[in-house]
Amino acid sequence: EEAQLILESYKKRSKQCENAEFIIENYKQFADT
Protein backbone atom coordinates (compact mmCIF):
# COMPACT_ATOMS: atom_id res chain seq x y z
CA GLU A 1 0.00 0.00 0.00
CA GLU A 2 2.81 2.42 0.86
CA ALA A 3 4.64 1.64 -2.35
CA GLN A 4 1.54 2.28 -4.41
CA LEU A 5 1.04 5.74 -2.90
CA ILE A 6 4.71 6.66 -3.27
CA LEU A 7 4.85 5.60 -6.91
CA GLU A 8 1.55 7.27 -7.79
CA SER A 9 2.88 10.65 -6.64
CA TYR A 10 6.20 9.99 -8.36
CA LYS A 11 4.51 9.16 -11.66
CA LYS A 12 2.28 12.23 -11.42
CA ARG A 13 5.29 14.51 -11.01
CA SER A 14 7.07 12.67 -13.81
CA LYS A 15 4.13 13.30 -16.12
CA GLN A 16 4.26 17.01 -15.27
CA CYS A 17 7.94 17.09 -16.29
CA GLU A 18 6.89 16.44 -19.87
CA ASN A 19 5.52 20.00 -20.00
CA ALA A 20 8.36 22.47 -20.62
CA GLU A 21 6.22 25.42 -19.55
CA PHE A 22 5.43 23.71 -16.24
CA ILE A 23 9.15 23.21 -15.51
CA ILE A 24 9.78 26.94 -15.98
CA GLU A 25 6.74 28.31 -14.18
CA ASN A 26 6.86 25.90 -11.25
CA TYR A 27 10.50 26.73 -10.63
CA LYS A 28 9.74 30.45 -10.72
CA GLN A 29 7.13 29.92 -8.00
CA PHE A 30 9.59 27.87 -5.95
CA ALA A 31 12.26 30.57 -6.35
CA ASP A 32 9.83 33.25 -5.15
CA THR A 33 9.48 31.44 -1.83
All heavy atoms as atom14 arrays in JSON, in Angstrom:
{
  "sequence": "EEAQLILESYKKRSKQCENAEFIIENYKQFADT",
  "atom14_mask": [
    [1, 1, 1, 1, 1, 1, 1, 1, 1, 0, 0, 0, 0, 0],
    [1, 1, 1, 1, 1, 1, 1, 1, 1, 0, 0, 0, 0, 0],
    [1, 1, 1, 1, 1, 0, 0, 0, 0, 0, 0, 0, 0, 0],
    [1, 1, 1, 1, 1, 1, 1, 1, 1, 0, 0, 0, 0, 0],
    [1, 1, 1, 1, 1, 1, 1, 1, 0, 0, 0, 0, 0, 0],
    [1, 1, 1, 1, 1, 1, 1, 1, 0, 0, 0, 0, 0, 0],
    [1, 1, 1, 1, 1, 1, 1, 1, 0, 0, 0, 0, 0, 0],
    [1, 1, 1, 1, 1, 1, 1, 1, 1, 0, 0, 0, 0, 0],
    [1, 1, 1, 1, 1, 1, 0, 0, 0, 0, 0, 0, 0, 0],
    [1, 1, 1, 1, 1, 1, 1, 1, 1, 1, 1, 1, 0, 0],
    [1, 1, 1, 1, 1, 1, 1, 1, 1, 0, 0, 0, 0, 0],
    [1, 1, 1, 1, 1, 1, 1, 1, 1, 0, 0, 0, 0, 0],
    [1, 1, 1, 1, 1, 1, 1, 1, 1, 1, 1, 0, 0, 0],
    [1, 1, 1, 1, 1, 1, 0, 0, 0, 0, 0, 0, 0, 0],
    [1, 1, 1, 1, 1, 1, 1, 1, 1, 0, 0, 0, 0, 0],
    [1, 1, 1, 1, 1, 1, 1, 1, 1, 0, 0, 0, 0, 0],
    [1, 1, 1, 1, 1, 1, 0, 0, 0, 0, 0, 0, 0, 0],
    [1, 1, 1, 1, 1, 1, 1, 1, 1, 0, 0, 0, 0, 0],
    [1, 1, 1, 1, 1, 1, 1, 1, 0, 0, 0, 0, 0, 0],
    [1, 1, 1, 1, 1, 0, 0, 0, 0, 0, 0, 0, 0, 0],
    [1, 1, 1, 1, 1, 1, 1, 1, 1, 0, 0, 0, 0, 0],
    [1, 1, 1, 1, 1, 1, 1, 1, 1, 1, 1, 0, 0, 0],
    [1, 1, 1, 1, 1, 1, 1, 1, 0, 0, 0, 0, 0, 0],
    [1, 1, 1, 1, 1, 1, 1, 1, 0, 0, 0, 0, 0, 0],
    [1, 1, 1, 1, 1, 1, 1, 1, 1, 0, 0, 0, 0, 0],
    [1, 1, 1, 1, 1, 1, 1, 1, 0, 0, 0, 0, 0, 0],
    [1, 1, 1, 1, 1, 1, 1, 1, 1, 1, 1, 1, 0, 0],
    [1, 1, 1, 1, 1, 1, 1, 1, 1, 0, 0, 0, 0, 0],
    [1, 1, 1, 1, 1, 1, 1, 1, 1, 0, 0, 0, 0, 0],
    [1, 1, 1, 1, 1, 1, 1, 1, 1, 1, 1, 0, 0, 0],
    [1, 1, 1, 1, 1, 0, 0, 0, 0, 0, 0, 0, 0, 0],
    [1, 1, 1, 1, 1, 1, 1, 1, 0, 0, 0, 0, 0, 0],
    [1, 1, 1, 1, 1, 1, 1, 0, 0, 0, 0, 0, 0, 0]
  ],
  "atom14_positions": [
    [[0.83, -1.21, 0.0], [0.0, 0.0, 0.0], [0.86, 1.26, 0.0], [0.58, 2.21, -0.73], [-0.93, 0.0, 1.22], [-1.98, -1.11, 1.22], [-1.42, -2.48, 1.63], [-0.26, -2.52, 2.12], [-2.12, -3.48, 1.43], [0.0, 0.0, 0.0], [0.0, 0.0, 0.0], [0.0, 0.0, 0.0], [0.0, 0.0, 0.0], [0.0, 0.0, 0.0]],
    [[1.92, 1.26, 0.82], [2.81, 2.42, 0.86], [3.5, 2.63, -0.48], [3.61, 3.76, -0.97], [3.86, 2.22, 1.96], [3.3, 2.29, 3.37], [4.3, 1.81, 4.41], [5.17, 0.98, 4.06], [4.21, 2.26, 5.58], [0.0, 0.0, 0.0], [0.0, 0.0, 0.0], [0.0, 0.0, 0.0], [0.0, 0.0, 0.0], [0.0, 0.0, 0.0]],
    [[3.95, 1.54, -1.07], [4.64, 1.64, -2.35], [3.74, 2.2, -3.43], [4.17, 3.02, -4.27], [5.16, 0.26, -2.77], [0.0, 0.0, 0.0], [0.0, 0.0, 0.0], [0.0, 0.0, 0.0], [0.0, 0.0, 0.0], [0.0, 0.0, 0.0], [0.0, 0.0, 0.0], [0.0, 0.0, 0.0], [0.0, 0.0, 0.0], [0.0, 0.0, 0.0]],
    [[2.48, 1.79, -3.42], [1.54, 2.28, -4.41], [1.36, 3.79, -4.31], [1.37, 4.5, -5.32], [0.19, 1.58, -4.25], [-0.84, 1.99, -5.3], [-2.15, 1.23, -5.16], [-2.26, 0.31, -4.35], [-3.14, 1.61, -5.95], [0.0, 0.0, 0.0], [0.0, 0.0, 0.0], [0.0, 0.0, 0.0], [0.0, 0.0, 0.0], [0.0, 0.0, 0.0]],
    [[1.21, 4.3, -3.09], [1.04, 5.74, -2.9], [2.29, 6.52, -3.3], [2.21, 7.57, -3.94], [0.7, 6.02, -1.43], [-0.68, 5.56, -0.95], [-0.81, 5.76, 0.56], [-1.78, 6.32, -1.68], [0.0, 0.0, 0.0], [0.0, 0.0, 0.0], [0.0, 0.0, 0.0], [0.0, 0.0, 0.0], [0.0, 0.0, 0.0], [0.0, 0.0, 0.0]],
    [[3.45, 5.99, -2.93], [4.71, 6.66, -3.27], [4.89, 6.74, -4.78], [5.23, 7.8, -5.33], [5.9, 5.92, -2.62], [5.84, 6.07, -1.09], [7.23, 6.45, -3.16], [6.81, 5.16, -0.35], [0.0, 0.0, 0.0], [0.0, 0.0, 0.0], [0.0, 0.0, 0.0], [0.0, 0.0, 0.0], [0.0, 0.0, 0.0], [0.0, 0.0, 0.0]],
    [[4.63, 5.64, -5.46], [4.85, 5.6, -6.91], [3.79, 6.4, -7.67], [4.08, 6.97, -8.74], [4.87, 4.15, -7.4], [6.09, 3.33, -6.94], [5.98, 1.89, -7.41], [7.39, 3.96, -7.44], [0.0, 0.0, 0.0], [0.0, 0.0, 0.0], [0.0, 0.0, 0.0], [0.0, 0.0, 0.0], [0.0, 0.0, 0.0], [0.0, 0.0, 0.0]],
    [[2.58, 6.46, -7.14], [1.55, 7.27, -7.79], [1.95, 8.74, -7.82], [1.81, 9.42, -8.85], [0.2, 7.1, -7.07], [-0.52, 5.8, -7.41], [-1.82, 5.65, -6.64], [-2.12, 6.54, -5.8], [-2.54, 4.65, -6.86], [0.0, 0.0, 0.0], [0.0, 0.0, 0.0], [0.0, 0.0, 0.0], [0.0, 0.0, 0.0], [0.0, 0.0, 0.0]],
    [[2.44, 9.25, -6.7], [2.88, 10.65, -6.64], [4.09, 10.87, -7.54], [4.2, 11.9, -8.23], [3.24, 11.04, -5.2], [2.11, 10.93, -4.35], [0.0, 0.0, 0.0], [0.0, 0.0, 0.0], [0.0, 0.0, 0.0], [0.0, 0.0, 0.0], [0.0, 0.0, 0.0], [0.0, 0.0, 0.0], [0.0, 0.0, 0.0], [0.0, 0.0, 0.0]],
    [[4.99, 9.93, -7.53], [6.2, 9.99, -8.36], [5.85, 10.04, -9.85], [6.4, 10.85, -10.61], [7.05, 8.78, -8.02], [8.31, 8.58, -8.82], [9.38, 9.46, -8.73], [8.46, 7.44, -9.62], [10.56, 9.23, -9.42], [9.63, 7.2, -10.31], [10.68, 8.1, -10.21], [11.84, 7.86, -10.9], [0.0, 0.0, 0.0], [0.0, 0.0, 0.0]],
    [[4.92, 9.19, -10.25], [4.51, 9.16, -11.66], [3.76, 10.42, -12.06], [3.89, 10.9, -13.19], [3.64, 7.92, -11.92], [4.42, 6.61, -11.85], [3.51, 5.4, -11.99], [4.29, 4.1, -11.9], [3.43, 2.9, -11.96], [0.0, 0.0, 0.0], [0.0, 0.0, 0.0], [0.0, 0.0, 0.0], [0.0, 0.0, 0.0], [0.0, 0.0, 0.0]],
    [[2.99, 10.98, -11.13], [2.28, 12.23, -11.42], [3.26, 13.36, -11.67], [3.12, 14.13, -12.63], [1.36, 12.58, -10.25], [0.56, 13.87, -10.46], [-0.34, 14.17, -9.26], [-1.09, 15.47, -9.47], [-1.96, 15.77, -8.28], [0.0, 0.0, 0.0], [0.0, 0.0, 0.0], [0.0, 0.0, 0.0], [0.0, 0.0, 0.0], [0.0, 0.0, 0.0]],
    [[4.28, 13.47, -10.81], [5.29, 14.51, -11.01], [6.07, 14.27, -12.3], [6.42, 15.22, -13.03], [6.25, 14.55, -9.82], [5.64, 15.07, -8.54], [6.7, 15.34, -7.48], [7.42, 14.13, -7.11], [7.02, 13.28, -6.17], [5.9, 13.51, -5.5], [7.74, 12.21, -5.88], [0.0, 0.0, 0.0], [0.0, 0.0, 0.0], [0.0, 0.0, 0.0]],
    [[6.33, 13.01, -12.59], [7.07, 12.67, -13.81], [6.28, 13.08, -15.05], [6.85, 13.55, -16.04], [7.38, 11.18, -13.84], [8.16, 10.8, -12.71], [0.0, 0.0, 0.0], [0.0, 0.0, 0.0], [0.0, 0.0, 0.0], [0.0, 0.0, 0.0], [0.0, 0.0, 0.0], [0.0, 0.0, 0.0], [0.0, 0.0, 0.0], [0.0, 0.0, 0.0]],
    [[4.98, 12.89, -15.0], [4.13, 13.3, -16.12], [4.18, 14.82, -16.3], [4.22, 15.33, -17.43], [2.69, 12.85, -15.86], [1.72, 13.14, -17.0], [2.03, 12.32, -18.22], [1.0, 12.55, -19.3], [1.32, 11.8, -20.57], [0.0, 0.0, 0.0], [0.0, 0.0, 0.0], [0.0, 0.0, 0.0], [0.0, 0.0, 0.0], [0.0, 0.0, 0.0]],
    [[4.2, 15.55, -15.2], [4.26, 17.01, -15.27], [5.56, 17.49, -15.9], [5.61, 18.55, -16.55], [4.11, 17.61, -13.86], [2.73, 17.44, -13.26], [2.67, 17.86, -11.81], [3.49, 17.43, -10.99], [1.71, 18.71, -11.47], [0.0, 0.0, 0.0], [0.0, 0.0, 0.0], [0.0, 0.0, 0.0], [0.0, 0.0, 0.0], [0.0, 0.0, 0.0]],
    [[6.64, 16.71, -15.74], [7.94, 17.09, -16.29], [7.96, 17.07, -17.81], [8.9, 17.58, -18.44], [9.03, 16.19, -15.75], [9.46, 16.53, -14.03], [0.0, 0.0, 0.0], [0.0, 0.0, 0.0], [0.0, 0.0, 0.0], [0.0, 0.0, 0.0], [0.0, 0.0, 0.0], [0.0, 0.0, 0.0], [0.0, 0.0, 0.0], [0.0, 0.0, 0.0]],
    [[6.96, 16.47, -18.42], [6.89, 16.44, -19.87], [6.5, 17.8, -20.44], [6.65, 18.06, -21.63], [5.88, 15.38, -20.33], [6.27, 13.95, -19.93], [5.2, 12.94, -20.29], [4.21, 13.34, -20.96], [5.33, 11.76, -19.91], [0.0, 0.0, 0.0], [0.0, 0.0, 0.0], [0.0, 0.0, 0.0], [0.0, 0.0, 0.0], [0.0, 0.0, 0.0]],
    [[5.99, 18.67, -19.58], [5.52, 20.0, -20.0], [6.62, 21.02, -19.72], [6.9, 21.36, -18.57], [4.24, 20.35, -19.23], [3.62, 21.66, -19.68], [4.3, 22.54, -20.19], [2.31, 21.78, -19.5], [0.0, 0.0, 0.0], [0.0, 0.0, 0.0], [0.0, 0.0, 0.0], [0.0, 0.0, 0.0], [0.0, 0.0, 0.0], [0.0, 0.0, 0.0]],
    [[7.25, 21.53, -20.77], [8.36, 22.47, -20.62], [7.93, 23.74, -19.91], [8.67, 24.31, -19.09], [8.96, 22.8, -21.99], [0.0, 0.0, 0.0], [0.0, 0.0, 0.0], [0.0, 0.0, 0.0], [0.0, 0.0, 0.0], [0.0, 0.0, 0.0], [0.0, 0.0, 0.0], [0.0, 0.0, 0.0], [0.0, 0.0, 0.0], [0.0, 0.0, 0.0]],
    [[6.72, 24.2, -20.19], [6.22, 25.42, -19.55], [6.04, 25.2, -18.05], [6.32, 26.1, -17.25], [4.9, 25.84, -20.18], [4.36, 27.16, -19.65], [3.1, 27.61, -20.35], [2.77, 27.04, -21.4], [2.43, 28.54, -19.85], [0.0, 0.0, 0.0], [0.0, 0.0, 0.0], [0.0, 0.0, 0.0], [0.0, 0.0, 0.0], [0.0, 0.0, 0.0]],
    [[5.59, 24.01, -17.67], [5.43, 23.71, -16.24], [6.78, 23.77, -15.52], [6.87, 24.32, -14.41], [4.82, 22.32, -16.06], [4.8, 21.86, -14.62], [3.79, 22.23, -13.76], [5.83, 21.05, -14.12], [3.79, 21.82, -12.43], [5.84, 20.64, -12.8], [4.81, 21.03, -11.95], [0.0, 0.0, 0.0], [0.0, 0.0, 0.0], [0.0, 0.0, 0.0]],
    [[7.82, 23.21, -16.13], [9.15, 23.21, -15.51], [9.59, 24.64, -15.21], [10.1, 24.94, -14.13], [10.17, 22.52, -16.43], [9.87, 21.02, -16.56], [11.59, 22.73, -15.9], [10.01, 20.24, -15.29], [0.0, 0.0, 0.0], [0.0, 0.0, 0.0], [0.0, 0.0, 0.0], [0.0, 0.0, 0.0], [0.0, 0.0, 0.0], [0.0, 0.0, 0.0]],
    [[9.36, 25.54, -16.15], [9.78, 26.94, -15.98], [8.94, 27.65, -14.94], [9.48, 28.3, -14.02], [9.71, 27.68, -17.34], [10.72, 27.08, -18.32], [9.96, 29.17, -17.15], [10.57, 27.59, -19.74], [0.0, 0.0, 0.0], [0.0, 0.0, 0.0], [0.0, 0.0, 0.0], [0.0, 0.0, 0.0], [0.0, 0.0, 0.0], [0.0, 0.0, 0.0]],
    [[7.63, 27.56, -15.07], [6.74, 28.31, -14.18], [6.77, 27.78, -12.75], [6.74, 28.56, -11.79], [5.31, 28.28, -14.73], [5.12, 29.04, -16.04], [5.55, 30.5, -15.91], [5.22, 31.13, -14.87], [6.23, 31.01, -16.82], [0.0, 0.0, 0.0], [0.0, 0.0, 0.0], [0.0, 0.0, 0.0], [0.0, 0.0, 0.0], [0.0, 0.0, 0.0]],
    [[6.84, 26.47, -12.6], [6.86, 25.9, -11.25], [8.15, 26.29, -10.52], [8.13, 26.57, -9.31], [6.74, 24.38, -11.32], [6.33, 23.77, -9.99], [5.22, 23.99, -9.5], [7.22, 23.0, -9.4], [0.0, 0.0, 0.0], [0.0, 0.0, 0.0], [0.0, 0.0, 0.0], [0.0, 0.0, 0.0], [0.0, 0.0, 0.0], [0.0, 0.0, 0.0]],
    [[9.24, 26.34, -11.27], [10.5, 26.73, -10.63], [10.5, 28.21, -10.26], [11.06, 28.6, -9.23], [11.69, 26.42, -11.54], [13.01, 26.5, -10.8], [13.34, 25.56, -9.82], [13.9, 27.52, -11.05], [14.52, 25.63, -9.12], [15.11, 27.61, -10.35], [15.4, 26.67, -9.38], [16.57, 26.76, -8.69], [0.0, 0.0, 0.0], [0.0, 0.0, 0.0]],
    [[9.86, 29.03, -11.06], [9.74, 30.45, -10.72], [8.98, 30.62, -9.4], [9.36, 31.42, -8.54], [9.01, 31.21, -11.83], [9.87, 31.5, -13.06], [9.08, 32.3, -14.08], [9.93, 32.63, -15.3], [9.16, 33.38, -16.33], [0.0, 0.0, 0.0], [0.0, 0.0, 0.0], [0.0, 0.0, 0.0], [0.0, 0.0, 0.0], [0.0, 0.0, 0.0]],
    [[7.9, 29.86, -9.25], [7.13, 29.92, -8.0], [7.97, 29.45, -6.81], [7.93, 30.04, -5.72], [5.86, 29.08, -8.14], [4.87, 29.61, -9.16], [3.68, 28.69, -9.33], [3.35, 27.9, -8.45], [3.02, 28.78, -10.48], [0.0, 0.0, 0.0], [0.0, 0.0, 0.0], [0.0, 0.0, 0.0], [0.0, 0.0, 0.0], [0.0, 0.0, 0.0]],
    [[8.73, 28.39, -7.01], [9.59, 27.87, -5.95], [10.65, 28.9, -5.58], [10.93, 29.14, -4.4], [10.25, 26.57, -6.42], [11.18, 25.95, -5.42], [10.69, 25.26, -4.32], [12.56, 26.06, -5.58], [11.55, 24.68, -3.4], [13.42, 25.48, -4.66], [12.92, 24.79, -3.57], [0.0, 0.0, 0.0], [0.0, 0.0, 0.0], [0.0, 0.0, 0.0]],
    [[11.23, 29.55, -6.59], [12.26, 30.57, -6.35], [11.69, 31.75, -5.56], [12.37, 32.31, -4.68], [12.84, 31.05, -7.67], [0.0, 0.0, 0.0], [0.0, 0.0, 0.0], [0.0, 0.0, 0.0], [0.0, 0.0, 0.0], [0.0, 0.0, 0.0], [0.0, 0.0, 0.0], [0.0, 0.0, 0.0], [0.0, 0.0, 0.0], [0.0, 0.0, 0.0]],
    [[10.46, 32.13, -5.85], [9.83, 33.25, -5.15], [9.75, 33.01, -3.64], [9.81, 33.96, -2.85], [8.43, 33.51, -5.7], [8.47, 34.17, -7.08], [9.54, 34.68, -7.46], [7.43, 34.16, -7.77], [0.0, 0.0, 0.0], [0.0, 0.0, 0.0], [0.0, 0.0, 0.0], [0.0, 0.0, 0.0], [0.0, 0.0, 0.0], [0.0, 0.0, 0.0]],
    [[9.61, 31.75, -3.25], [9.48, 31.44, -1.83], [10.84, 31.38, -1.12], [10.89, 31.29, 0.11], [8.76, 30.09, -1.63], [9.58, 29.03, -2.16], [7.41, 30.09, -2.32], [0.0, 0.0, 0.0], [0.0, 0.0, 0.0], [0.0, 0.0, 0.0], [0.0, 0.0, 0.0], [0.0, 0.0, 0.0], [0.0, 0.0, 0.0], [0.0, 0.0, 0.0]]
  ]
}
